[in-house]
């Protein structure tokens, strides 16, 4: 009898707590979230109160720590002081734009704080082996420093090749600093960090999940950037991590196909500034910049601008740039991305571009490695096809390249996907490249992707099964949370 009463009391208490959570979160969530995201969160909390409540505390509440905000303020202040010191270099390589390019470059500078710099040479690399060979060759030639910042730095055959090159560089007296995401590179941090530290290589984890002073406030905020700098003269960025392209998969359809840019010229110092800021944010160490910022010289004729984005920068600054580009497009836009989960703003910009007669081409992998993101992306195909967007599904592997070209005149290449996560949650990096030279090179790669893709038709897409539609629509409900 007593046991029954006790069980009944516990059940009643649990039942009451669920309704308390529902009522409190009904007022709390809309105060902090946009309507679409708030609706998704409230739906999860209504059906699964305790699960939704805990999940919201972990990834839903937008609350960077005060320490992190203060470090970011210090970093930005130090950057602007250094910018003044290098004002002569910056002004010497500012291109003389007229009209639209000047407006765009000014806009990008307001979004990310970095000016456009002329005199750069870009090499686009689409083969994983080629990128690793080029990077290791540059590390083997390093004389002063090697700086690596990657989301995934795996302890596999690729990672170990880079480990060895770093160790040899350190023996030559080269300073090596490695910063990796605490989640994306957790296996390497557990297995190989001690070896790197013993070799004299400085290794830190970015955005740790458990840290008294360094926790950012959200476990789903990740450093998704991929950057390598050698001697302040050579830079790499793009979509590829330091890991074998199979990522442990045996399915050929899941072999990652990446796009990396090797940069020489004044823009390398912008990549260096970004690394310097990330390093300071995570370590508190403002390392001596002597030798890290050599006097730049021209290597080519391509104007390039670096845009850093993330939840502690100007709100959704990369998304704003993408929308702006779509609104000013006149003839053609081509997008490549592994994950396409647009918000309402991006969808609207695409629709308006199509109504203005702009040809919009979207290239995505036919098979996704992410169940929710893949199905959420497919749920938008109906609308895109109805508007006349050409949707190409890449069959030559898991297309992981993140790029956008506009009218063959300028383009974006970097680490950002075209999804809500990259727009709002992850720390990302993108290069804005001006002019027909860089854009023509990217277009050549995009046309190659199209050659390995299937063009999706509205008739074909309408024949998919009812269960498949149901799964896609359920995934779409969660897209504001992805």
Protein backbone atom coordinates (compact mmCIF):
# COMPACT_ATOMS: atom_id res chain seq x y z
CA UNK A 1 0.00 0.00 0.00
CA UNK A 2 2.73 2.43 1.02
CA UNK A 3 4.82 1.46 -1.99
CA UNK A 4 1.89 2.15 -4.30
CA UNK A 5 1.38 5.60 -2.77
CA UNK A 6 5.09 6.31 -3.15
CA UNK A 7 5.05 5.29 -6.82
CA UNK A 8 1.93 7.35 -7.41
CA UNK A 9 3.52 10.39 -5.79
CA UNK A 10 6.64 10.09 -7.93
CA UNK A 11 4.54 9.70 -11.06
CA UNK A 12 2.43 12.71 -10.13
CA UNK A 13 5.51 14.78 -9.43
CA UNK A 14 7.04 13.81 -12.78
CA UNK A 15 3.77 14.55 -14.60
CA UNK A 16 3.51 17.98 -12.92
CA UNK A 17 7.16 18.78 -13.74
CA UNK A 18 6.50 18.12 -17.42
CA UNK A 19 3.71 20.69 -17.48
CA UNK A 20 5.83 23.18 -15.54
CA UNK A 21 8.55 22.79 -18.18
CA UNK A 22 6.03 23.23 -21.01
CA UNK A 23 4.57 26.39 -19.49
CA UNK A 24 7.92 28.01 -18.62
CA UNK A 25 9.48 27.20 -21.99
CA UNK A 26 6.39 28.46 -23.81
CA UNK A 27 7.36 31.95 -22.62
CA UNK A 28 11.15 31.49 -22.55
CA UNK A 29 11.87 30.00 -26.00
CA UNK A 30 10.14 32.66 -28.16
CA UNK A 31 12.02 35.34 -26.21
CA UNK A 32 15.39 33.95 -27.31
CA UNK A 33 14.68 32.30 -30.66
CA UNK A 34 13.32 33.33 -34.03
CA UNK A 35 9.75 32.16 -34.77
CA UNK A 36 10.70 29.19 -36.98
CA UNK A 37 13.31 27.86 -34.55
CA UNK A 38 11.04 28.61 -31.56
CA UNK A 39 8.24 26.56 -33.13
CA UNK A 40 10.55 23.58 -33.63
CA UNK A 41 11.88 23.81 -30.08
CA UNK A 42 8.41 24.11 -28.58
CA UNK A 43 7.24 21.08 -30.55
CA UNK A 44 10.12 18.97 -29.18
CA UNK A 45 9.54 20.26 -25.64
CA UNK A 46 5.77 19.66 -25.81
CA UNK A 47 6.16 15.97 -26.77
CA UNK A 48 9.35 15.25 -24.81
CA UNK A 49 9.50 17.87 -22.01
CA UNK A 50 12.55 16.73 -20.04
CA UNK A 51 14.54 15.62 -23.09
CA UNK A 52 13.70 18.87 -24.91
CA UNK A 53 14.48 20.99 -21.83
CA UNK A 54 17.93 19.44 -21.35
CA UNK A 55 18.69 19.62 -25.06
CA UNK A 56 17.67 23.28 -25.11
CA UNK A 57 20.02 24.05 -22.21
CA UNK A 58 22.87 22.37 -24.08
CA UNK A 59 22.39 23.70 -27.60
CA UNK A 60 19.37 25.99 -27.67
CA UNK A 61 20.20 28.90 -25.38
CA UNK A 62 22.32 31.46 -27.21
CA UNK A 63 24.68 32.44 -24.41
CA UNK A 64 28.42 32.83 -24.98
CA UNK A 65 30.40 33.05 -21.77
CA UNK A 66 31.44 36.49 -20.56
CA UNK A 67 35.06 35.35 -20.53
CA UNK A 68 34.83 34.37 -24.19
CA UNK A 69 33.20 37.64 -25.11
CA UNK A 70 35.94 39.56 -23.28
CA UNK A 71 38.66 37.53 -25.02
CA UNK A 72 36.98 38.21 -28.34
CA UNK A 73 36.90 41.94 -27.55
CA UNK A 74 40.61 41.86 -26.68
CA UNK A 75 41.39 39.89 -29.83
CA UNK A 76 39.54 42.33 -32.05
CA UNK A 77 41.20 45.29 -30.33
CA UNK A 78 44.64 43.74 -30.81
CA UNK A 79 43.79 43.00 -34.44
CA UNK A 80 42.83 46.60 -35.11
CA UNK A 81 46.01 47.83 -33.40
CA UNK A 82 48.05 45.48 -35.56
CA UNK A 83 46.02 46.56 -38.58
CA UNK A 84 47.12 50.14 -37.93
CA UNK A 85 50.71 48.96 -37.75
CA UNK A 86 50.41 47.28 -41.12
CA UNK A 87 48.27 50.03 -42.65
CA UNK A 88 50.97 50.78 -45.20
CA UNK A 89 50.99 47.19 -46.43
CA UNK A 90 47.19 47.05 -46.50
CA UNK A 91 46.78 50.27 -48.45
CA UNK A 92 49.56 49.34 -50.86
CA UNK A 93 47.62 46.26 -51.98
CA UNK A 94 44.09 47.69 -51.98
CA UNK A 95 42.75 47.31 -55.52
CA UNK A 96 41.12 50.25 -57.25
CA UNK A 97 37.60 48.98 -57.79
CA UNK A 98 34.81 50.83 -59.51
CA UNK A 99 31.13 50.47 -58.74
CA UNK A 100 29.79 47.08 -57.64
CA UNK A 101 33.07 45.44 -56.56
CA UNK A 102 33.89 48.42 -54.35
CA UNK A 103 30.47 48.23 -52.72
CA UNK A 104 30.82 44.48 -52.20
CA UNK A 105 34.35 44.65 -50.76
CA UNK A 106 33.31 47.48 -48.40
CA UNK A 107 30.34 45.37 -47.29
CA UNK A 108 32.56 42.33 -46.64
CA UNK A 109 34.99 44.48 -44.64
CA UNK A 110 32.12 45.72 -42.47
CA UNK A 111 30.96 42.12 -41.93
CA UNK A 112 34.35 40.64 -41.05
CA UNK A 113 36.80 43.49 -40.49
CA UNK A 114 39.31 42.46 -43.17
CA UNK A 115 39.98 44.55 -46.32
CA UNK A 116 40.33 43.22 -49.84
CA UNK A 117 43.93 42.66 -50.95
CA UNK A 118 45.22 42.49 -54.51
CA UNK A 119 48.27 40.65 -55.84
CA UNK A 120 47.32 37.09 -54.93
CA UNK A 121 47.84 33.81 -56.73
CA UNK A 122 45.31 31.01 -56.17
CA UNK A 123 45.70 27.32 -56.89
CA UNK A 124 42.49 25.28 -56.67
CA UNK A 125 43.05 21.68 -55.57
CA UNK A 126 40.30 19.07 -55.96
CA UNK A 127 42.21 15.88 -55.20
CA UNK A 128 42.86 14.97 -51.57
CA UNK A 129 46.22 13.36 -52.28
CA UNK A 130 47.38 16.45 -54.16
CA UNK A 131 46.47 18.74 -51.25
CA UNK A 132 48.28 16.58 -48.67
CA UNK A 133 51.39 16.28 -50.88
CA UNK A 134 51.48 20.06 -51.46
CA UNK A 135 50.96 20.82 -47.76
CA UNK A 136 53.67 18.41 -46.62
CA UNK A 137 56.09 19.76 -49.23
CA UNK A 138 55.48 23.29 -47.92
CA UNK A 139 55.91 22.15 -44.30
CA UNK A 140 59.19 20.45 -45.29
CA UNK A 141 60.35 23.80 -46.73
CA UNK A 142 59.24 25.88 -43.71
CA UNK A 143 61.89 28.08 -42.11
CA UNK A 144 60.08 29.99 -39.36
CA UNK A 145 56.66 28.59 -38.45
CA UNK A 146 53.80 26.28 -39.38
CA UNK A 147 50.26 27.06 -38.15
CA UNK A 148 47.42 24.57 -38.57
CA UNK A 149 43.77 25.08 -37.65
CA UNK A 150 41.42 22.21 -38.59
CA UNK A 151 38.04 20.88 -37.58
CA UNK A 152 39.21 17.28 -38.05
CA UNK A 153 42.83 16.24 -37.66
CA UNK A 154 42.65 12.45 -37.60
CA UNK A 155 45.19 9.96 -36.32
CA UNK A 156 45.13 7.94 -39.55
CA UNK A 157 47.56 7.48 -42.44
CA UNK A 158 46.97 11.06 -43.62
CA UNK A 159 47.21 12.58 -40.15
CA UNK A 160 50.37 10.64 -39.37
CA UNK A 161 52.05 11.96 -42.53
CA UNK A 162 51.36 15.50 -41.34
CA UNK A 163 52.51 14.57 -37.79
CA UNK A 164 55.83 13.37 -39.21
CA UNK A 165 56.32 16.50 -41.32
CA UNK A 166 55.63 18.70 -38.28
CA UNK A 167 58.08 16.72 -36.14
CA UNK A 168 60.81 17.07 -38.76
CA UNK A 169 60.09 20.80 -39.05
CA UNK A 170 60.38 21.21 -35.27
CA UNK A 171 63.76 19.47 -35.31
CA UNK A 172 64.91 22.12 -37.80
CA UNK A 173 63.89 24.84 -35.33
CA UNK A 174 60.55 25.70 -36.91
CA UNK A 175 57.77 26.72 -34.48
CA UNK A 176 54.70 24.53 -34.99
CA UNK A 177 51.28 25.42 -33.58
CA UNK A 178 48.25 23.16 -34.05
CA UNK A 179 44.69 24.13 -33.08
CA UNK A 180 41.91 21.58 -33.63
CA UNK A 181 38.23 21.36 -32.73
CA UNK A 182 37.71 19.44 -29.50
CA UNK A 183 34.87 17.36 -30.97
CA UNK A 184 35.94 16.96 -34.59
CA UNK A 185 39.49 15.91 -33.58
CA UNK A 186 38.69 14.09 -30.34
CA UNK A 187 40.32 10.82 -31.49
CA UNK A 188 43.59 12.52 -32.39
CA UNK A 189 43.58 14.48 -29.13
CA UNK A 190 43.13 11.24 -27.19
CA UNK A 191 45.70 9.20 -29.12
CA UNK A 192 48.34 11.44 -30.69
CA UNK A 193 48.45 14.74 -28.81
CA UNK A 194 50.99 13.45 -26.29
CA UNK A 195 53.34 12.41 -29.13
CA UNK A 196 53.11 15.82 -30.75
CA UNK A 197 53.70 17.58 -27.44
CA UNK A 198 56.77 15.41 -26.79
CA UNK A 199 58.06 16.43 -30.22
CA UNK A 200 57.80 20.09 -29.14
CA UNK A 201 54.69 20.88 -31.19
CA UNK A 202 52.14 23.10 -29.47
CA UNK A 203 48.68 21.49 -29.63
CA UNK A 204 45.42 22.93 -28.27
CA UNK A 205 41.79 21.91 -28.51
CA UNK A 206 39.24 24.55 -29.57
CA UNK A 207 35.84 24.86 -27.87
CA UNK A 208 36.23 22.07 -25.31
CA UNK A 209 33.02 20.56 -23.95
CA UNK A 210 34.30 20.34 -20.40
CA UNK A 211 36.41 23.26 -19.25
CA UNK A 212 35.91 25.62 -16.32
CA UNK A 213 37.31 28.70 -18.04
CA UNK A 214 37.07 27.92 -21.75
CA UNK A 215 33.52 26.56 -22.27
CA UNK A 216 31.76 28.82 -24.74
CA UNK A 217 28.22 28.18 -23.52
CA UNK A 218 26.92 25.88 -26.28
CA UNK A 219 28.20 22.36 -26.99
CA UNK A 220 27.04 22.57 -30.62
CA UNK A 221 29.15 25.63 -31.43
CA UNK A 222 32.16 24.14 -33.25
CA UNK A 223 35.26 25.53 -34.96
CA UNK A 224 34.67 24.25 -38.49
CA UNK A 225 37.56 26.14 -40.12
CA UNK A 226 40.39 24.60 -42.16
CA UNK A 227 43.52 26.76 -42.35
CA UNK A 228 47.23 26.15 -42.84
CA UNK A 229 49.89 28.89 -42.91
CA UNK A 230 53.59 28.36 -43.62
CA UNK A 231 56.05 31.18 -42.82
CA UNK A 232 53.30 33.78 -43.30
CA UNK A 233 53.82 33.40 -47.06
CA UNK A 234 51.75 30.35 -48.04
CA UNK A 235 48.18 29.68 -46.96
CA UNK A 236 45.60 26.97 -47.46
CA UNK A 237 41.88 26.95 -46.80
CA UNK A 238 38.76 25.27 -48.13
CA UNK A 239 36.68 22.23 -47.26
CA UNK A 240 39.22 19.47 -46.64
CA UNK A 241 40.22 18.22 -43.22
CA UNK A 242 43.41 16.35 -42.33
CA UNK A 243 41.87 12.91 -42.68
CA UNK A 244 41.60 10.18 -45.30
CA UNK A 245 38.77 11.05 -47.72
CA UNK A 246 36.98 7.77 -46.98
CA UNK A 247 36.42 8.88 -43.35
CA UNK A 248 36.35 5.18 -42.52
CA UNK A 249 33.52 4.41 -44.99
CA UNK A 250 33.80 1.51 -47.45
CA UNK A 251 30.97 2.84 -49.63
CA UNK A 252 32.46 4.62 -52.70
CA UNK A 253 29.45 6.97 -52.67
CA UNK A 254 30.70 8.35 -49.34
CA UNK A 255 34.28 9.12 -50.39
CA UNK A 256 34.59 12.87 -49.77
CA UNK A 257 35.42 15.13 -52.73
CA UNK A 258 36.87 18.38 -51.46
CA UNK A 259 37.99 21.76 -52.74
CA UNK A 260 41.06 23.50 -51.30
CA UNK A 261 42.71 26.80 -52.26
CA UNK A 262 46.46 27.35 -51.95
CA UNK A 263 47.09 31.09 -51.57
CA UNK A 264 50.25 33.10 -52.00
CA UNK A 265 50.30 36.88 -51.74
CA UNK A 266 49.05 39.54 -49.29
CA UNK A 267 45.84 37.62 -48.42
CA UNK A 268 47.96 35.07 -46.51
CA UNK A 269 48.42 37.67 -43.77
CA UNK A 270 44.63 37.77 -43.34
CA UNK A 271 44.62 33.99 -42.82
CA UNK A 272 47.44 34.50 -40.35
CA UNK A 273 45.43 37.15 -38.49
CA UNK A 274 42.51 34.74 -38.24
CA UNK A 275 44.74 31.98 -36.86
CA UNK A 276 46.37 34.40 -34.44
CA UNK A 277 42.93 35.42 -33.14
CA UNK A 278 41.74 31.82 -32.77
CA UNK A 279 44.94 30.85 -30.98
CA UNK A 280 44.59 33.74 -28.54
CA UNK A 281 40.92 32.96 -27.91
CA UNK A 282 41.72 29.37 -26.92
CA UNK A 283 45.10 29.70 -25.19
CA UNK A 284 45.23 33.28 -23.94
CA UNK A 285 48.70 33.40 -25.51
CA UNK A 286 49.40 36.46 -27.66
CA UNK A 287 52.45 34.96 -29.36
CA UNK A 288 55.18 37.20 -30.76
CA UNK A 289 54.12 38.23 -34.25
CA UNK A 290 57.68 39.05 -35.37
CA UNK A 291 58.36 36.77 -38.31
CA UNK A 292 54.72 35.69 -38.50
CA UNK A 293 53.70 38.76 -40.51
CA UNK A 294 56.44 39.27 -43.12
CA UNK A 295 56.18 42.16 -45.56
CA UNK A 296 53.82 40.92 -48.28
CA UNK A 297 54.61 40.92 -51.96
CA UNK A 298 52.48 40.29 -55.02
CA UNK A 299 52.42 36.76 -56.47
CA UNK A 300 49.51 37.19 -58.87
CA UNK A 301 46.71 39.50 -59.90
CA UNK A 302 43.66 38.20 -58.02
CA UNK A 303 41.96 40.40 -55.37
CA UNK A 304 41.01 38.28 -52.35
CA UNK A 305 39.22 39.04 -49.10
CA UNK A 306 38.86 36.82 -46.02
CA UNK A 307 35.53 36.67 -44.19
CA UNK A 308 35.47 35.04 -40.76
CA UNK A 309 32.06 34.13 -39.40
CA UNK A 310 30.62 32.56 -36.28
CA UNK A 311 28.13 33.10 -33.45
CA UNK A 312 30.20 35.76 -31.70
CA UNK A 313 30.68 37.87 -34.84
CA UNK A 314 28.15 40.08 -36.62
CA UNK A 315 24.93 38.05 -36.70
CA UNK A 316 24.92 35.58 -39.62
CA UNK A 317 27.43 37.64 -41.59
CA UNK A 318 28.19 34.94 -44.17
CA UNK A 319 24.49 34.36 -44.72
CA UNK A 320 24.04 38.09 -45.31
CA UNK A 321 26.82 38.02 -47.89
CA UNK A 322 25.23 35.06 -49.71
CA UNK A 323 21.84 36.79 -49.77
CA UNK A 324 23.41 40.00 -51.03
CA UNK A 325 25.15 38.10 -53.83
CA UNK A 326 21.91 36.41 -54.88
CA UNK A 327 20.07 39.73 -54.96
CA UNK A 328 22.72 41.35 -57.18
CA UNK A 329 23.16 38.35 -59.52
CA UNK A 330 22.21 39.12 -63.13
CA UNK A 331 22.78 35.96 -65.12
CA UNK A 332 23.89 32.85 -63.23
CA UNK A 333 24.61 31.47 -59.76
CA UNK A 334 26.21 28.06 -59.11
CA UNK A 335 26.36 26.59 -55.60
CA UNK A 336 28.16 23.45 -54.44
CA UNK A 337 27.55 22.17 -50.93
CA UNK A 338 27.25 18.83 -49.13
CA UNK A 339 24.51 20.16 -46.82
CA UNK A 340 21.78 22.43 -48.12
CA UNK A 341 19.34 23.31 -45.34
CA UNK A 342 18.28 26.89 -46.11
CA UNK A 343 16.39 29.26 -43.89
CA UNK A 344 13.50 31.33 -45.16
CA UNK A 345 15.77 34.20 -46.16
CA UNK A 346 17.94 32.08 -48.47
CA UNK A 347 14.91 30.40 -50.03
CA UNK A 348 13.31 33.78 -50.70
CA UNK A 349 16.51 35.12 -52.28
CA UNK A 350 16.71 32.10 -54.58
CA UNK A 351 13.06 32.47 -55.58
CA UNK A 352 13.51 36.18 -56.35
CA UNK A 353 16.67 35.45 -58.37
CA UNK A 354 14.75 32.96 -60.48
CA UNK A 355 11.87 35.39 -61.03
CA UNK A 356 14.41 37.94 -62.26
CA UNK A 357 15.61 35.39 -64.81
CA UNK A 358 18.83 34.35 -63.07
CA UNK A 359 19.82 30.73 -63.72
CA UNK A 360 20.43 29.04 -60.35
CA UNK A 361 22.32 25.74 -60.25
CA UNK A 362 22.63 23.70 -57.06
CA UNK A 363 25.10 20.79 -56.92
CA UNK A 364 24.72 18.43 -53.94
CA UNK A 365 25.77 14.83 -53.29
CA UNK A 366 23.22 12.20 -54.28
CA UNK A 367 23.96 10.25 -51.10
CA UNK A 368 24.45 12.03 -47.78
CA UNK A 369 26.34 10.85 -44.72
CA UNK A 370 23.98 12.80 -42.43
CA UNK A 371 20.47 11.33 -42.05
CA UNK A 372 18.67 14.40 -40.76
CA UNK A 373 20.55 16.98 -42.85
CA UNK A 374 20.29 14.87 -46.00
CA UNK A 375 16.54 14.34 -45.68
CA UNK A 376 15.92 17.94 -44.64
CA UNK A 377 17.77 19.09 -47.79
CA UNK A 378 15.67 16.85 -50.02
CA UNK A 379 12.49 18.27 -48.50
CA UNK A 380 13.28 21.61 -50.21
CA UNK A 381 13.73 20.16 -53.70
CA UNK A 382 10.01 20.45 -54.53
CA UNK A 383 10.08 24.23 -54.12
CA UNK A 384 13.42 24.63 -55.90
CA UNK A 385 12.30 22.57 -58.90
CA UNK A 386 9.00 24.45 -59.07
CA UNK A 387 10.95 27.72 -59.35
CA UNK A 388 13.15 26.31 -62.09
CA UNK A 389 16.32 25.80 -60.06
CA UNK A 390 18.57 23.18 -61.67
CA UNK A 391 19.34 20.59 -59.00
CA UNK A 392 22.29 18.34 -59.81
CA UNK A 393 22.96 15.29 -57.65
CA UNK A 394 26.64 14.37 -57.69
CA UNK A 395 27.31 10.62 -58.09
CA UNK A 396 31.12 10.61 -57.97
CA UNK A 397 31.30 10.46 -54.16
CA UNK A 398 30.21 12.70 -51.33
CA UNK A 399 30.71 16.18 -52.75
CA UNK A 400 32.12 18.16 -49.84
CA UNK A 401 33.20 21.31 -51.74
CA UNK A 402 31.65 24.55 -50.48
CA UNK A 403 31.57 27.24 -53.16
CA UNK A 404 29.41 29.81 -54.93
CA UNK A 405 30.03 31.66 -58.19
CA UNK A 406 28.05 34.67 -59.34
CA UNK A 407 27.84 35.66 -63.02
CA UNK A 408 31.38 34.42 -63.64
CA UNK A 409 32.59 37.66 -62.01
CA UNK A 410 33.23 36.78 -58.35
CA UNK A 411 33.02 33.74 -56.12
CA UNK A 412 33.16 32.38 -52.57
CA UNK A 413 35.26 29.36 -51.53
CA UNK A 414 35.69 28.12 -47.98
CA UNK A 415 34.44 25.97 -45.12
CA UNK A 416 30.83 27.20 -44.93
CA UNK A 417 27.94 24.96 -45.94
CA UNK A 418 24.69 26.46 -47.13
CA UNK A 419 22.78 25.47 -44.04
CA UNK A 420 21.61 26.96 -40.78
CA UNK A 421 24.50 25.42 -38.85
CA UNK A 422 27.17 27.20 -40.90
CA UNK A 423 25.18 30.42 -41.04
CA UNK A 424 24.52 30.63 -37.29
CA UNK A 425 26.38 28.08 -35.18
CA UNK A 426 29.82 27.16 -36.53
CA UNK A 427 32.97 29.24 -36.73
CA UNK A 428 33.71 29.38 -40.47
CA UNK A 429 36.09 30.94 -42.98
CA UNK A 430 35.47 31.92 -46.60
CA UNK A 431 37.53 33.58 -49.32
CA UNK A 432 35.81 36.15 -51.51
CA UNK A 433 37.62 36.19 -54.86
CA UNK A 434 37.04 39.01 -57.30
CA UNK A 435 37.34 38.95 -61.10
CA UNK A 436 36.96 36.49 -63.93
CA UNK A 437 40.28 34.67 -63.48
CA UNK A 438 39.54 33.04 -60.13
CA UNK A 439 35.87 32.58 -60.96
CA UNK A 440 36.61 30.90 -64.31
CA UNK A 441 38.88 28.43 -62.52
CA UNK A 442 36.12 27.62 -60.01
CA UNK A 443 33.51 27.35 -62.77
CA UNK A 444 35.71 24.80 -64.52
CA UNK A 445 35.60 22.65 -61.38
CA UNK A 446 31.86 23.14 -60.95
CA UNK A 447 31.22 22.12 -64.56
CA UNK A 448 33.27 19.00 -63.87
CA UNK A 449 31.02 18.25 -60.88
CA UNK A 450 27.96 18.73 -63.09
CA UNK A 451 29.45 16.24 -65.56
CA UNK A 452 29.44 13.65 -62.76
CA UNK A 453 25.91 14.48 -61.63
CA UNK A 454 22.32 13.57 -62.42
CA UNK A 455 19.98 16.45 -63.25
CA UNK A 456 16.87 16.07 -61.11
CA UNK A 457 13.53 16.68 -62.84
CA UNK A 458 10.24 17.66 -61.26
CA UNK A 459 8.53 14.63 -62.85
CA UNK A 460 11.16 12.26 -61.47
CA UNK A 461 11.04 13.82 -58.01
CA UNK A 462 7.25 13.67 -57.81
CA UNK A 463 7.37 9.85 -58.10
CA UNK A 464 9.14 9.23 -54.80
CA UNK A 465 7.23 7.13 -52.27
CA UNK A 466 4.89 8.43 -49.58
CA UNK A 467 7.11 7.06 -46.74
CA UNK A 468 10.07 8.88 -48.24
CA UNK A 469 8.11 12.14 -48.35
CA UNK A 470 7.06 11.64 -44.74
CA UNK A 471 10.67 11.15 -43.59
CA UNK A 472 11.78 14.27 -45.49
CA UNK A 473 8.98 16.38 -44.05
CA UNK A 474 9.73 15.20 -40.52
CA UNK A 475 13.41 16.06 -41.03
CA UNK A 476 12.36 19.48 -42.35
CA UNK A 477 10.60 20.23 -39.07
CA UNK A 478 13.98 19.94 -37.36
CA UNK A 479 15.87 22.02 -39.95
CA UNK A 480 15.86 25.18 -37.76
CA UNK A 481 17.74 23.11 -35.15
CA UNK A 482 20.33 21.56 -37.51
